[in-house]
Amino acid sequence: MIDTVVEDPIPVVRVPLVHPEKVPGTRGKPVSPVTMENWVRKGVRGCRLETILIGGRLCTSLQALDRFHQAVTLSKMRKPRPTWNETGALQARTEKARQRAAEQTAKRLQEAGA
C-alpha cells in the first residue's frame, strides 16, 4: 500500500518521463506510459503495480515501483525451469513422474468431491 506521508506520489503515466532511469525500456528508450498502465491493470507474472487515486488520477511512487520490480523478479525466479538432457534437447517427463502427477491430481479431485 502506498503511504503518501512517506512516499511521493507520481502520476503513473508521468513516471517514464520524469524518471526514465527507474523504468528502462529497450534500446535505450523509456517504457511507454501505456505499458505502465498495463502494469497497473493487468500486471506482470501475477504482480500488479500499486497505485493510489489522487484527484482522479492514478498515482504510484518510486518505492511502489521498486516493490513491483522485486515481486516480478521473485516470481520469475520461482518458476520451475525445464530440464535438459546431455544432447541439449528438452527432456520429457519420465513415466514415474507422469504417474505421480496423475495420482496427485486424482487425490485432489477426490478431496474436492469430484
PDB file of N, CA and C in Angstrom:
ATOM      1  N   MET A   1       0.843  -1.174   0.000  1.00  0.00           N
ATOM      2  CA  MET A   1       0.000   0.000   0.000  1.00  0.00           C
ATOM      3  C   MET A   1       0.890   1.239   0.000  1.00  0.00           C
ATOM      4  N   ILE A   2       0.545   2.191  -0.805  1.00  0.00           N
ATOM      5  CA  ILE A   2       1.319   3.428  -0.899  1.00  0.00           C
ATOM      6  C   ILE A   2       0.966   4.328   0.272  1.00  0.00           C
ATOM      7  N   ASP A   3       1.978   4.736   1.013  1.00  0.00           N
ATOM      8  CA  ASP A   3       1.804   5.639   2.150  1.00  0.00           C
ATOM      9  C   ASP A   3       2.242   7.028   1.696  1.00  0.00           C
ATOM     10  N   THR A   4       1.282   7.936   1.469  1.00  0.00           N
ATOM     11  CA  THR A   4       1.599   9.256   0.925  1.00  0.00           C
ATOM     12  C   THR A   4       2.356  10.141   1.908  1.00  0.00           C
ATOM     13  N   VAL A   5       2.399   9.755   3.184  1.00  0.00           N
ATOM     14  CA  VAL A   5       3.176  10.517   4.160  1.00  0.00           C
ATOM     15  C   VAL A   5       4.667  10.269   3.933  1.00  0.00           C
ATOM     16  N   VAL A   6       5.012   9.052   3.568  1.00  0.00           N
ATOM     17  CA  VAL A   6       6.409   8.667   3.397  1.00  0.00           C
ATOM     18  C   VAL A   6       6.842   8.685   1.931  1.00  0.00           C
ATOM     19  N   GLU A   7       5.931   8.282   1.028  1.00  0.00           N
ATOM     20  CA  GLU A   7       6.254   8.156  -0.391  1.00  0.00           C
ATOM     21  C   GLU A   7       5.637   9.308  -1.194  1.00  0.00           C
ATOM     22  N   ASP A   8       6.375   9.821  -2.160  1.00  0.00           N
ATOM     23  CA  ASP A   8       5.878  10.902  -3.011  1.00  0.00           C
ATOM     24  C   ASP A   8       5.115  10.325  -4.196  1.00  0.00           C
ATOM     25  N   PRO A   9       3.807  10.610  -4.294  1.00  0.00           N
ATOM     26  CA  PRO A   9       3.031  10.078  -5.414  1.00  0.00           C
ATOM     27  C   PRO A   9       3.379  10.775  -6.726  1.00  0.00           C
ATOM     28  N   ILE A  10       3.419   9.981  -7.792  1.00  0.00           N
ATOM     29  CA  ILE A  10       3.688  10.471  -9.144  1.00  0.00           C
ATOM     30  C   ILE A  10       2.622   9.870 -10.044  1.00  0.00           C
ATOM     31  N   PRO A  11       1.997  10.657 -10.932  1.00  0.00           N
ATOM     32  CA  PRO A  11       1.034  10.070 -11.863  1.00  0.00           C
ATOM     33  C   PRO A  11       1.691   8.936 -12.662  1.00  0.00           C
ATOM     34  N   VAL A  12       0.980   7.838 -12.804  1.00  0.00           N
ATOM     35  CA  VAL A  12       1.533   6.646 -13.446  1.00  0.00           C
ATOM     36  C   VAL A  12       2.063   6.947 -14.840  1.00  0.00           C
ATOM     37  N   VAL A  13       1.333   7.727 -15.620  1.00  0.00           N
ATOM     38  CA  VAL A  13       1.768   7.997 -16.992  1.00  0.00           C
ATOM     39  C   VAL A  13       2.975   8.937 -17.053  1.00  0.00           C
ATOM     40  N   ARG A  14       3.297   9.606 -15.956  1.00  0.00           N
ATOM     41  CA  ARG A  14       4.435  10.531 -15.934  1.00  0.00           C
ATOM     42  C   ARG A  14       5.736   9.872 -15.471  1.00  0.00           C
ATOM     43  N   VAL A  15       5.645   8.711 -14.842  1.00  0.00           N
ATOM     44  CA  VAL A  15       6.851   8.069 -14.291  1.00  0.00           C
ATOM     45  C   VAL A  15       7.928   7.871 -15.353  1.00  0.00           C
ATOM     46  N   PRO A  16       7.615   7.312 -16.546  1.00  0.00           N
ATOM     47  CA  PRO A  16       8.679   7.121 -17.535  1.00  0.00           C
ATOM     48  C   PRO A  16       9.277   8.432 -18.040  1.00  0.00           C
ATOM     49  N   LEU A  17       8.506   9.495 -17.966  1.00  0.00           N
ATOM     50  CA  LEU A  17       9.002  10.789 -18.448  1.00  0.00           C
ATOM     51  C   LEU A  17       9.844  11.506 -17.395  1.00  0.00           C
ATOM     52  N   VAL A  18       9.430  11.408 -16.140  1.00  0.00           N
ATOM     53  CA  VAL A  18      10.123  12.096 -15.052  1.00  0.00           C
ATOM     54  C   VAL A  18      11.337  11.299 -14.575  1.00  0.00           C
ATOM     55  N   HIS A  19      11.207   9.972 -14.509  1.00  0.00           N
ATOM     56  CA  HIS A  19      12.280   9.106 -14.011  1.00  0.00           C
ATOM     57  C   HIS A  19      12.554   7.979 -15.000  1.00  0.00           C
ATOM     58  N   PRO A  20      13.090   8.292 -16.197  1.00  0.00           N
ATOM     59  CA  PRO A  20      13.313   7.221 -17.187  1.00  0.00           C
ATOM     60  C   PRO A  20      14.330   6.181 -16.722  1.00  0.00           C
ATOM     61  N   GLU A  21      15.216   6.549 -15.812  1.00  0.00           N
ATOM     62  CA  GLU A  21      16.214   5.591 -15.316  1.00  0.00           C
ATOM     63  C   GLU A  21      15.595   4.533 -14.402  1.00  0.00           C
ATOM     64  N   LYS A  22      14.430   4.808 -13.857  1.00  0.00           N
ATOM     65  CA  LYS A  22      13.761   3.859 -12.961  1.00  0.00           C
ATOM     66  C   LYS A  22      12.957   2.805 -13.713  1.00  0.00           C
ATOM     67  N   VAL A  23      12.588   3.088 -14.952  1.00  0.00           N
ATOM     68  CA  VAL A  23      11.845   2.131 -15.769  1.00  0.00           C
ATOM     69  C   VAL A  23      12.494   2.038 -17.147  1.00  0.00           C
ATOM     70  N   PRO A  24      13.664   1.412 -17.218  1.00  0.00           N
ATOM     71  CA  PRO A  24      14.357   1.345 -18.505  1.00  0.00           C
ATOM     72  C   PRO A  24      13.608   0.458 -19.490  1.00  0.00           C
ATOM     73  N   GLY A  25      13.524   0.913 -20.695  1.00  0.00           N
ATOM     74  CA  GLY A  25      12.886   0.127 -21.743  1.00  0.00           C
ATOM     75  C   GLY A  25      13.942  -0.524 -22.610  1.00  0.00           C
ATOM     76  N   THR A  26      13.569  -0.874 -23.807  1.00  0.00           N
ATOM     77  CA  THR A  26      14.521  -1.489 -24.727  1.00  0.00           C
ATOM     78  C   THR A  26      15.156  -0.438 -25.619  1.00  0.00           C
ATOM     79  N   ARG A  27      16.334  -0.732 -26.082  1.00  0.00           N
ATOM     80  CA  ARG A  27      17.093   0.146 -26.980  1.00  0.00           C
ATOM     81  C   ARG A  27      17.286   1.548 -26.429  1.00  0.00           C
ATOM     82  N   GLY A  28      17.422   1.666 -25.122  1.00  0.00           N
ATOM     83  CA  GLY A  28      17.690   2.952 -24.500  1.00  0.00           C
ATOM     84  C   GLY A  28      16.493   3.873 -24.369  1.00  0.00           C
ATOM     85  N   LYS A  29      15.322   3.411 -24.763  1.00  0.00           N
ATOM     86  CA  LYS A  29      14.113   4.234 -24.656  1.00  0.00           C
ATOM     87  C   LYS A  29      13.425   3.944 -23.329  1.00  0.00           C
ATOM     88  N   PRO A  30      12.727   4.932 -22.758  1.00  0.00           N
ATOM     89  CA  PRO A  30      11.956   4.653 -21.538  1.00  0.00           C
ATOM     90  C   PRO A  30      10.721   3.825 -21.880  1.00  0.00           C
ATOM     91  N   VAL A  31      10.163   3.179 -20.875  1.00  0.00           N
ATOM     92  CA  VAL A  31       8.945   2.382 -21.043  1.00  0.00           C
ATOM     93  C   VAL A  31       7.789   3.307 -21.410  1.00  0.00           C
ATOM     94  N   SER A  32       6.912   2.833 -22.255  1.00  0.00           N
ATOM     95  CA  SER A  32       5.753   3.612 -22.687  1.00  0.00           C
ATOM     96  C   SER A  32       4.776   3.812 -21.528  1.00  0.00           C
ATOM     97  N   PRO A  33       4.108   4.973 -21.468  1.00  0.00           N
ATOM     98  CA  PRO A  33       3.062   5.166 -20.456  1.00  0.00           C
ATOM     99  C   PRO A  33       1.955   4.115 -20.542  1.00  0.00           C
ATOM    100  N   VAL A  34       1.678   3.611 -21.750  1.00  0.00           N
ATOM    101  CA  VAL A  34       0.672   2.563 -21.912  1.00  0.00           C
ATOM    102  C   VAL A  34       1.128   1.289 -21.203  1.00  0.00           C
ATOM    103  N   THR A  35       2.414   0.986 -21.284  1.00  0.00           N
ATOM    104  CA  THR A  35       2.956  -0.175 -20.580  1.00  0.00           C
ATOM    105  C   THR A  35       2.772  -0.015 -19.081  1.00  0.00           C
ATOM    106  N   MET A  36       3.015   1.187 -18.578  1.00  0.00           N
ATOM    107  CA  MET A  36       2.827   1.445 -17.151  1.00  0.00           C
ATOM    108  C   MET A  36       1.363   1.195 -16.758  1.00  0.00           C
ATOM    109  N   GLU A  37       0.429   1.647 -17.593  1.00  0.00           N
ATOM    110  CA  GLU A  37      -0.989   1.424 -17.301  1.00  0.00           C
ATOM    111  C   GLU A  37      -1.321  -0.063 -17.330  1.00  0.00           C
ATOM    112  N   ASN A  38      -0.693  -0.819 -18.229  1.00  0.00           N
ATOM    113  CA  ASN A  38      -0.900  -2.270 -18.257  1.00  0.00           C
ATOM    114  C   ASN A  38      -0.366  -2.928 -16.989  1.00  0.00           C
ATOM    115  N   TRP A  39       0.744  -2.443 -16.459  1.00  0.00           N
ATOM    116  CA  TRP A  39       1.291  -2.981 -15.209  1.00  0.00           C
ATOM    117  C   TRP A  39       0.293  -2.774 -14.074  1.00  0.00           C
ATOM    118  N   VAL A  40      -0.464  -1.678 -14.148  1.00  0.00           N
ATOM    119  CA  VAL A  40      -1.465  -1.394 -13.117  1.00  0.00           C
ATOM    120  C   VAL A  40      -2.687  -2.283 -13.307  1.00  0.00           C
ATOM    121  N   ARG A  41      -3.208  -2.355 -14.538  1.00  0.00           N
ATOM    122  CA  ARG A  41      -4.459  -3.077 -14.795  1.00  0.00           C
ATOM    123  C   ARG A  41      -4.280  -4.589 -14.862  1.00  0.00           C
ATOM    124  N   LYS A  42      -3.343  -5.053 -15.688  1.00  0.00           N
ATOM    125  CA  LYS A  42      -3.164  -6.484 -15.932  1.00  0.00           C
ATOM    126  C   LYS A  42      -2.070  -7.096 -15.074  1.00  0.00           C
ATOM    127  N   GLY A  43      -1.005  -6.332 -14.851  1.00  0.00           N
ATOM    128  CA  GLY A  43       0.120  -6.850 -14.097  1.00  0.00           C
ATOM    129  C   GLY A  43       1.074  -7.660 -14.966  1.00  0.00           C
ATOM    130  N   VAL A  44       2.118  -8.156 -14.320  1.00  0.00           N
ATOM    131  CA  VAL A  44       3.129  -8.981 -14.976  1.00  0.00           C
ATOM    132  C   VAL A  44       3.407 -10.159 -14.058  1.00  0.00           C
ATOM    133  N   ARG A  45       3.286 -11.382 -14.592  1.00  0.00           N
ATOM    134  CA  ARG A  45       3.548 -12.600 -13.812  1.00  0.00           C
ATOM    135  C   ARG A  45       2.744 -12.639 -12.511  1.00  0.00           C
ATOM    136  N   GLY A  46       1.529 -12.116 -12.562  1.00  0.00           N
ATOM    137  CA  GLY A  46       0.664 -12.139 -11.385  1.00  0.00           C
ATOM    138  C   GLY A  46       0.916 -11.005 -10.402  1.00  0.00           C
ATOM    139  N   CYS A  47       1.811 -10.086 -10.726  1.00  0.00           N
ATOM    140  CA  CYS A  47       2.125  -8.951  -9.845  1.00  0.00           C
ATOM    141  C   CYS A  47       1.611  -7.672 -10.502  1.00  0.00           C
ATOM    142  N   ARG A  48       0.924  -6.836  -9.720  1.00  0.00           N
ATOM    143  CA  ARG A  48       0.418  -5.571 -10.238  1.00  0.00           C
ATOM    144  C   ARG A  48       1.093  -4.404  -9.533  1.00  0.00           C
ATOM    145  N   LEU A  49       1.291  -3.327 -10.283  1.00  0.00           N
ATOM    146  CA  LEU A  49       1.892  -2.114  -9.744  1.00  0.00           C
ATOM    147  C   LEU A  49       0.902  -1.429  -8.811  1.00  0.00           C
ATOM    148  N   GLU A  50       1.351  -1.105  -7.603  1.00  0.00           N
ATOM    149  CA  GLU A  50       0.490  -0.432  -6.625  1.00  0.00           C
ATOM    150  C   GLU A  50       0.178   0.984  -7.088  1.00  0.00           C
ATOM    151  N   THR A  51      -1.073   1.400  -6.873  1.00  0.00           N
ATOM    152  CA  THR A  51      -1.469   2.769  -7.222  1.00  0.00           C
ATOM    153  C   THR A  51      -2.371   3.318  -6.132  1.00  0.00           C
ATOM    154  N   ILE A  52      -2.523   4.613  -6.197  1.00  0.00           N
ATOM    155  CA  ILE A  52      -3.448   5.320  -5.307  1.00  0.00           C
ATOM    156  C   ILE A  52      -4.131   6.384  -6.159  1.00  0.00           C
ATOM    157  N   LEU A  53      -5.384   6.628  -5.907  1.00  0.00           N
ATOM    158  CA  LEU A  53      -6.142   7.602  -6.680  1.00  0.00           C
ATOM    159  C   LEU A  53      -6.078   8.951  -5.964  1.00  0.00           C
ATOM    160  N   ILE A  54      -5.488   9.939  -6.636  1.00  0.00           N
ATOM    161  CA  ILE A  54      -5.366  11.283  -6.063  1.00  0.00           C
ATOM    162  C   ILE A  54      -5.923  12.268  -7.085  1.00  0.00           C
ATOM    163  N   GLY A  55      -6.976  12.935  -6.708  1.00  0.00           N
ATOM    164  CA  GLY A  55      -7.579  13.927  -7.599  1.00  0.00           C
ATOM    165  C   GLY A  55      -8.040  13.342  -8.918  1.00  0.00           C
ATOM    166  N   GLY A  56      -8.492  12.108  -8.903  1.00  0.00           N
ATOM    167  CA  GLY A  56      -8.966  11.473 -10.126  1.00  0.00           C
ATOM    168  C   GLY A  56      -7.871  10.906 -11.007  1.00  0.00           C
ATOM    169  N   ARG A  57      -6.619  10.958 -10.539  1.00  0.00           N
ATOM    170  CA  ARG A  57      -5.503  10.434 -11.333  1.00  0.00           C
ATOM    171  C   ARG A  57      -4.864   9.262 -10.600  1.00  0.00           C
ATOM    172  N   LEU A  58      -4.536   8.224 -11.357  1.00  0.00           N
ATOM    173  CA  LEU A  58      -3.814   7.091 -10.783  1.00  0.00           C
ATOM    174  C   LEU A  58      -2.364   7.487 -10.565  1.00  0.00           C
ATOM    175  N   CYS A  59      -1.917   7.341  -9.335  1.00  0.00           N
ATOM    176  CA  CYS A  59      -0.538   7.683  -8.998  1.00  0.00           C
ATOM    177  C   CYS A  59       0.149   6.479  -8.381  1.00  0.00           C
ATOM    178  N   THR A  60       1.453   6.460  -8.500  1.00  0.00           N
ATOM    179  CA  THR A  60       2.278   5.443  -7.866  1.00  0.00           C
ATOM    180  C   THR A  60       3.466   6.153  -7.243  1.00  0.00           C
ATOM    181  N   SER A  61       4.419   5.407  -6.746  1.00  0.00           N
ATOM    182  CA  SER A  61       5.614   6.019  -6.166  1.00  0.00           C
ATOM    183  C   SER A  61       6.822   5.222  -6.609  1.00  0.00           C
ATOM    184  N   LEU A  62       7.990   5.792  -6.454  1.00  0.00           N
ATOM    185  CA  LEU A  62       9.217   5.083  -6.806  1.00  0.00           C
ATOM    186  C   LEU A  62       9.398   3.858  -5.915  1.00  0.00           C
ATOM    187  N   GLN A  63       8.973   3.956  -4.650  1.00  0.00           N
ATOM    188  CA  GLN A  63       9.065   2.817  -3.743  1.00  0.00           C
ATOM    189  C   GLN A  63       8.137   1.695  -4.193  1.00  0.00           C
ATOM    190  N   ALA A  64       6.918   2.057  -4.650  1.00  0.00           N
ATOM    191  CA  ALA A  64       5.977   1.048  -5.145  1.00  0.00           C
ATOM    192  C   ALA A  64       6.513   0.403  -6.416  1.00  0.00           C
ATOM    193  N   LEU A  65       7.158   1.204  -7.258  1.00  0.00           N
ATOM    194  CA  LEU A  65       7.766   0.675  -8.471  1.00  0.00           C
ATOM    195  C   LEU A  65       8.874  -0.317  -8.129  1.00  0.00           C
ATOM    196  N   ASP A  66       9.662  -0.003  -7.111  1.00  0.00           N
ATOM    197  CA  ASP A  66      10.713  -0.911  -6.669  1.00  0.00           C
ATOM    198  C   ASP A  66      10.106  -2.209  -6.142  1.00  0.00           C
ATOM    199  N   ARG A  67       9.044  -2.109  -5.352  1.00  0.00           N
ATOM    200  CA  ARG A  67       8.376  -3.315  -4.830  1.00  0.00           C
ATOM    201  C   ARG A  67       7.830  -4.164  -5.978  1.00  0.00           C
ATOM    202  N   PHE A  68       7.294  -3.502  -7.016  1.00  0.00           N
ATOM    203  CA  PHE A  68       6.770  -4.207  -8.189  1.00  0.00           C
ATOM    204  C   PHE A  68       7.887  -4.963  -8.899  1.00  0.00           C
ATOM    205  N   HIS A  69       8.998  -4.293  -9.143  1.00  0.00           N
ATOM    206  CA  HIS A  69      10.132  -4.948  -9.813  1.00  0.00           C
ATOM    207  C   HIS A  69      10.655  -6.132  -9.004  1.00  0.00           C
ATOM    208  N   GLN A  70      10.721  -5.967  -7.689  1.00  0.00           N
ATOM    209  CA  GLN A  70      11.182  -7.062  -6.820  1.00  0.00           C
ATOM    210  C   GLN A  70      10.225  -8.248  -6.903  1.00  0.00           C
ATOM    211  N   ALA A  71       8.922  -7.988  -6.882  1.00  0.00           N
ATOM    212  CA  ALA A  71       7.929  -9.062  -6.927  1.00  0.00           C
ATOM    213  C   ALA A  71       7.970  -9.803  -8.260  1.00  0.00           C
ATOM    214  N   VAL A  72       8.119  -9.063  -9.365  1.00  0.00           N
ATOM    215  CA  VAL A  72       8.195  -9.698 -10.683  1.00  0.00           C
ATOM    216  C   VAL A  72       9.450 -10.564 -10.775  1.00  0.00           C
ATOM    217  N   THR A  73      10.558 -10.053 -10.268  1.00  0.00           N
ATOM    218  CA  THR A  73      11.806 -10.822 -10.284  1.00  0.00           C
ATOM    219  C   THR A  73      11.672 -12.090  -9.462  1.00  0.00           C
ATOM    220  N   LEU A  74      11.110 -11.980  -8.275  1.00  0.00           N
ATOM    221  CA  LEU A  74      10.922 -13.142  -7.415  1.00  0.00           C
ATOM    222  C   LEU A  74       9.995 -14.160  -8.076  1.00  0.00           C
ATOM    223  N   SER A  75       8.950 -13.680  -8.737  1.00  0.00           N
ATOM    224  CA  SER A  75       8.019 -14.567  -9.428  1.00  0.00           C
ATOM    225  C   SER A  75       8.724 -15.326 -10.547  1.00  0.00           C
ATOM    226  N   LYS A  76       9.594 -14.653 -11.267  1.00  0.00           N
ATOM    227  CA  LYS A  76      10.330 -15.306 -12.354  1.00  0.00           C
ATOM    228  C   LYS A  76      11.305 -16.340 -11.810  1.00  0.00           C
ATOM    229  N   MET A  77      11.935 -16.039 -10.684  1.00  0.00           N
ATOM    230  CA  MET A  77      12.915 -16.958 -10.117  1.00  0.00           C
ATOM    231  C   MET A  77      12.257 -18.215  -9.552  1.00  0.00           C
ATOM    232  N   ARG A  78      11.013 -18.122  -9.109  1.00  0.00           N
ATOM    233  CA  ARG A  78      10.312 -19.267  -8.542  1.00  0.00           C
ATOM    234  C   ARG A  78       9.747 -20.191  -9.607  1.00  0.00           C
ATOM    235  N   LYS A  79       9.662 -19.720 -10.841  1.00  0.00           N
ATOM    236  CA  LYS A  79       9.107 -20.533 -11.915  1.00  0.00           C
ATOM    237  C   LYS A  79      10.029 -21.721 -12.177  1.00  0.00           C
ATOM    238  N   PRO A  80       9.484 -22.936 -12.224  1.00  0.00           N
ATOM    239  CA  PRO A  80      10.353 -24.090 -12.473  1.00  0.00           C
ATOM    240  C   PRO A  80      10.967 -24.026 -13.866  1.00  0.00           C
ATOM    241  N   ARG A  81      12.223 -24.390 -13.935  1.00  0.00           N
ATOM    242  CA  ARG A  81      12.926 -24.357 -15.201  1.00  0.00           C
ATOM    243  C   ARG A  81      12.861 -25.729 -15.859  1.00  0.00           C
ATOM    244  N   PRO A  82      12.809 -25.778 -17.180  1.00  0.00           N
ATOM    245  CA  PRO A  82      12.790 -27.072 -17.854  1.00  0.00           C
ATOM    246  C   PRO A  82      14.139 -27.772 -17.685  1.00  0.00           C
ATOM    247  N   THR A  83      14.111 -29.083 -17.707  1.00  0.00           N
ATOM    248  CA  THR A  83      15.364 -29.835 -17.600  1.00  0.00           C
ATOM    249  C   THR A  83      15.825 -30.227 -18.996  1.00  0.00           C
ATOM    250  N   TRP A  84      17.131 -30.290 -19.167  1.00  0.00           N
ATOM    251  CA  TRP A  84      17.722 -30.593 -20.467  1.00  0.00           C
ATOM    252  C   TRP A  84      18.560 -31.853 -20.340  1.00  0.00           C
ATOM    253  N   ASN A  85      18.527 -32.682 -21.366  1.00  0.00           N
ATOM    254  CA  ASN A  85      19.371 -33.865 -21.324  1.00  0.00           C
ATOM    255  C   ASN A  85      20.740 -33.545 -21.907  1.00  0.00           C
ATOM    256  N   GLU A  86      21.636 -34.537 -21.956  1.00  0.00           N
ATOM    257  CA  GLU A  86      23.014 -34.283 -22.384  1.00  0.00           C
ATOM    258  C   GLU A  86      23.131 -33.899 -23.855  1.00  0.00           C
ATOM    259  N   THR A  87      22.125 -34.185 -24.681  1.00  0.00           N
ATOM    260  CA  THR A  87      22.194 -33.814 -26.095  1.00  0.00           C
ATOM    261  C   THR A  87      21.714 -32.387 -26.335  1.00  0.00           C
ATOM    262  N   GLY A  88      21.180 -31.741 -25.296  1.00  0.00           N
ATOM    263  CA  GLY A  88      20.708 -30.368 -25.439  1.00  0.00           C
ATOM    264  C   GLY A  88      19.235 -30.276 -25.770  1.00  0.00           C
ATOM    265  N   ALA A  89      18.547 -31.416 -25.816  1.00  0.00           N
ATOM    266  CA  ALA A  89      17.110 -31.415 -26.107  1.00  0.00           C
ATOM    267  C   ALA A  89      16.332 -31.322 -24.793  1.00  0.00           C
ATOM    268  N   LEU A  90      15.155 -30.747 -24.869  1.00  0.00           N
ATOM    269  CA  LEU A  90      14.301 -30.649 -23.699  1.00  0.00           C
ATOM    270  C   LEU A  90      13.878 -32.052 -23.282  1.00  0.00           C
ATOM    271  N   GLN A  91      14.077 -32.373 -22.024  1.00  0.00           N
ATOM    272  CA  GLN A  91      13.803 -33.707 -21.531  1.00  0.00           C
ATOM    273  C   GLN A  91      12.327 -33.836 -21.142  1.00  0.00           C
ATOM    274  N   ALA A  92      11.685 -34.871 -21.636  1.00  0.00           N
ATOM    275  CA  ALA A  92      10.279 -35.119 -21.313  1.00  0.00           C
ATOM    276  C   ALA A  92      10.174 -35.731 -19.919  1.00  0.00           C
ATOM    277  N   ARG A  93       8.978 -35.663 -19.334  1.00  0.00           N
ATOM    278  CA  ARG A  93       8.764 -36.279 -18.021  1.00  0.00           C
ATOM    279  C   ARG A  93       8.917 -37.787 -18.131  1.00  0.00           C
ATOM    280  N   THR A  94       9.444 -38.361 -17.082  1.00  0.00           N
ATOM    281  CA  THR A  94       9.559 -39.821 -17.048  1.00  0.00           C
ATOM    282  C   THR A  94       8.186 -40.411 -16.762  1.00  0.00           C
ATOM    283  N   GLU A  95       8.061 -41.705 -17.021  1.00  0.00           N
ATOM    284  CA  GLU A  95       6.797 -42.389 -16.762  1.00  0.00           C
ATOM    285  C   GLU A  95       6.445 -42.324 -15.285  1.00  0.00           C
ATOM    286  N   LYS A  96       7.458 -42.446 -14.439  1.00  0.00           N
ATOM    287  CA  LYS A  96       7.230 -42.403 -12.991  1.00  0.00           C
ATOM    288  C   LYS A  96       6.711 -41.020 -12.565  1.00  0.00           C
ATOM    289  N   ALA A  97       7.307 -39.955 -13.120  1.00  0.00           N
ATOM    290  CA  ALA A  97       6.868 -38.597 -12.789  1.00  0.00           C
ATOM    291  C   ALA A  97       5.451 -38.352 -13.294  1.00  0.00           C
ATOM    292  N   ARG A  98       5.138 -38.875 -14.475  1.00  0.00           N
ATOM    293  CA  ARG A  98       3.797 -38.724 -15.033  1.00  0.00           C
ATOM    294  C   ARG A  98       2.771 -39.455 -14.165  1.00  0.00           C
ATOM    295  N   GLN A  99       3.111 -40.659 -13.706  1.00  0.00           N
ATOM    296  CA  GLN A  99       2.226 -41.434 -12.854  1.00  0.00           C
ATOM    297  C   GLN A  99       1.991 -40.729 -11.526  1.00  0.00           C
ATOM    298  N   ARG A 100       3.067 -40.184 -10.933  1.00  0.00           N
ATOM    299  CA  ARG A 100       2.968 -39.475  -9.656  1.00  0.00           C
ATOM    300  C   ARG A 100       2.058 -38.249  -9.801  1.00  0.00           C
ATOM    301  N   ALA A 101       2.200 -37.515 -10.898  1.00  0.00           N
ATOM    302  CA  ALA A 101       1.369 -36.336 -11.134  1.00  0.00           C
ATOM    303  C   ALA A 101      -0.098 -36.730 -11.292  1.00  0.00           C
ATOM    304  N   ALA A 102      -0.356 -37.836 -11.981  1.00  0.00           N
ATOM    305  CA  ALA A 102      -1.729 -38.301 -12.164  1.00  0.00           C
ATOM    306  C   ALA A 102      -2.349 -38.703 -10.827  1.00  0.00           C
ATOM    307  N   GLU A 103      -1.572 -39.374  -9.976  1.00  0.00           N
ATOM    308  CA  GLU A 103      -2.070 -39.774  -8.656  1.00  0.00           C
ATOM    309  C   GLU A 103      -2.382 -38.557  -7.791  1.00  0.00           C
ATOM    310  N   GLN A 104      -1.522 -37.556  -7.836  1.00  0.00           N
ATOM    311  CA  GLN A 104      -1.756 -36.335  -7.051  1.00  0.00           C
ATOM    312  C   GLN A 104      -3.010 -35.620  -7.534  1.00  0.00           C
ATOM    313  N   THR A 105      -3.201 -35.574  -8.840  1.00  0.00           N
ATOM    314  CA  THR A 105      -4.390 -34.923  -9.395  1.00  0.00           C
ATOM    315  C   THR A 105      -5.653 -35.676  -8.996  1.00  0.00           C
ATOM    316  N   ALA A 106      -5.605 -37.004  -9.069  1.00  0.00           N
ATOM    317  CA  ALA A 106      -6.760 -37.813  -8.675  1.00  0.00           C
ATOM    318  C   ALA A 106      -7.084 -37.598  -7.196  1.00  0.00           C
ATOM    319  N   LYS A 107      -6.057 -37.500  -6.367  1.00  0.00           N
ATOM    320  CA  LYS A 107      -6.254 -37.277  -4.931  1.00  0.00           C
ATOM    321  C   LYS A 107      -6.910 -35.923  -4.676  1.00  0.00           C
ATOM    322  N   ARG A 108      -6.435 -34.874  -5.371  1.00  0.00           N
ATOM    323  CA  ARG A 108      -7.017 -33.535  -5.205  1.00  0.00           C
ATOM    324  C   ARG A 108      -8.478 -33.508  -5.654  1.00  0.00           C
ATOM    325  N   LEU A 109      -8.772 -34.190  -6.748  1.00  0.00           N
ATOM    326  CA  LEU A 109     -10.153 -34.245  -7.236  1.00  0.00           C
ATOM    327  C   LEU A 109     -11.056 -34.976  -6.255  1.00  0.00           C
ATOM    328  N   GLN A 110     -10.538 -36.051  -5.673  1.00  0.00           N
ATOM    329  CA  GLN A 110     -11.329 -36.815  -4.701  1.00  0.00           C
ATOM    330  C   GLN A 110     -11.582 -35.983  -3.454  1.00  0.00           C
ATOM    331  N   GLU A 111     -10.587 -35.236  -2.991  1.00  0.00           N
ATOM    332  CA  GLU A 111     -10.753 -34.378  -1.827  1.00  0.00           C
ATOM    333  C   GLU A 111     -11.739 -33.250  -2.091  1.00  0.00           C
ATOM    334  N   ALA A 112     -11.791 -32.806  -3.335  1.00  0.00           N
ATOM    335  CA  ALA A 112     -12.721 -31.723  -3.703  1.00  0.00           C
ATOM    336  C   ALA A 112     -14.133 -32.238  -3.912  1.00  0.00           C
ATOM    337  N   GLY A 113     -14.298 -33.567  -3.901  1.00  0.00           N
ATOM    338  CA  GLY A 113     -15.617 -34.140  -4.050  1.00  0.00           C
ATOM    339  C   GLY A 113     -16.041 -34.367  -5.487  1.00  0.00           C
ATOM    340  N   ALA A 114     -15.094 -34.338  -6.379  1.00  0.00           N
ATOM    341  CA  ALA A 114     -15.419 -34.558  -7.804  1.00  0.00           C
ATOM    342  C   ALA A 114     -15.452 -36.024  -8.138  1.00  0.00           C
TER     343      ALA A 114
END
